[in-house]
């Protein structure tokens, strides 16, 4: 019986480009999360939620 070995992936079909695009997308997502964390505006400091009697 002949054993045929095939690779699960081939680097000749642009795999390096796809790895680079994936890395850029991951960096962009992490950057967007940090940007959204830095621009958090809470309304508690404005005094709108407190009611005086």
Protein backbone atom coordinates (compact mmCIF):
# COMPACT_ATOMS: atom_id res chain seq x y z
CA UNK A 1 0.00 0.00 0.00
CA UNK A 2 1.42 3.34 -1.04
CA UNK A 3 1.37 6.13 1.52
CA UNK A 4 0.54 9.53 0.09
CA UNK A 5 1.53 12.44 2.30
CA UNK A 6 -0.02 15.82 1.61
CA UNK A 7 0.63 18.99 3.51
CA UNK A 8 -2.21 20.59 5.41
CA UNK A 9 -1.20 24.00 4.06
CA UNK A 10 0.98 25.38 1.34
CA UNK A 11 3.12 28.48 1.73
CA UNK A 12 3.12 29.04 -2.03
CA UNK A 13 -0.50 30.20 -2.12
CA UNK A 14 -0.09 33.49 -0.26
CA UNK A 15 -0.07 32.13 3.27
CA UNK A 16 2.44 34.77 4.37
CA UNK A 17 0.10 37.51 3.12
CA UNK A 18 -2.84 35.99 4.97
CA UNK A 19 -0.78 35.71 8.18
CA UNK A 20 0.16 39.39 7.82
CA UNK A 21 -3.46 40.44 7.24
CA UNK A 22 -4.58 38.42 10.27
CA UNK A 23 -1.90 40.05 12.42
CA UNK A 24 -2.96 43.53 11.27
CA UNK A 25 -6.61 42.79 12.04
CA UNK A 26 -5.71 41.56 15.53
CA UNK A 27 -3.61 44.66 16.20
CA UNK A 28 -6.44 46.90 14.94
CA UNK A 29 -8.99 45.19 17.21
CA UNK A 30 -6.75 45.56 20.27
CA UNK A 31 -6.10 49.20 19.37
CA UNK A 32 -9.82 49.90 19.00
CA UNK A 33 -10.50 48.33 22.39
CA UNK A 34 -7.87 50.53 24.06
CA UNK A 35 -9.23 53.59 22.25
CA UNK A 36 -12.75 52.87 23.44
CA UNK A 37 -11.50 52.28 26.99
CA UNK A 38 -9.76 55.66 26.98
CA UNK A 39 -12.79 57.62 25.79
CA UNK A 40 -15.17 56.43 28.52
CA UNK A 41 -17.42 59.28 29.58
CA UNK A 42 -19.51 58.70 32.67
CA UNK A 43 -22.58 60.83 33.37
CA UNK A 44 -22.23 60.45 37.13
CA UNK A 45 -19.85 63.42 37.32
CA UNK A 46 -22.38 65.76 35.69
CA UNK A 47 -24.87 65.44 38.55
CA UNK A 48 -27.76 64.46 36.29
CA UNK A 49 -28.56 61.34 38.28
CA UNK A 50 -28.84 63.01 41.67
CA UNK A 51 -32.21 64.39 42.72
CA UNK A 52 -32.43 66.97 45.50
CA UNK A 53 -35.47 67.01 47.78
